[in-house]
């Protein structure tokens, strides 16, 4: 559970970049959805940090999860772009008036 929450927080921070207000808002939403307070999250992170092997394993797991999520999102985005392109090509063919032949 903690790995999933941590991963979502990392992704949110990356998505909002310099907009810390939006990132902070999203982090609070993630924590609330997980039933955690910021204090609970920080305490769990501190507990992991005191056990380097567990911390490294958690960070590694979070990194792999974030990579999978990013790859899935890239695939969905590519599929949306392809579909949008196909729709626009189809629409362009449907709306073009018949061409007159020049003699």
Foldseek 3Di string as FASTA:
>chain_A
DLLVLVLQLVVLCVVVPPPVVSSVVSNCVSQVVVVHDVVRNVVVLVVQVVPVVSNVVSVVVSVVVNVVVVVVVVVVVVVVVVVVVVVVVVVVVVPDDDDDDDD
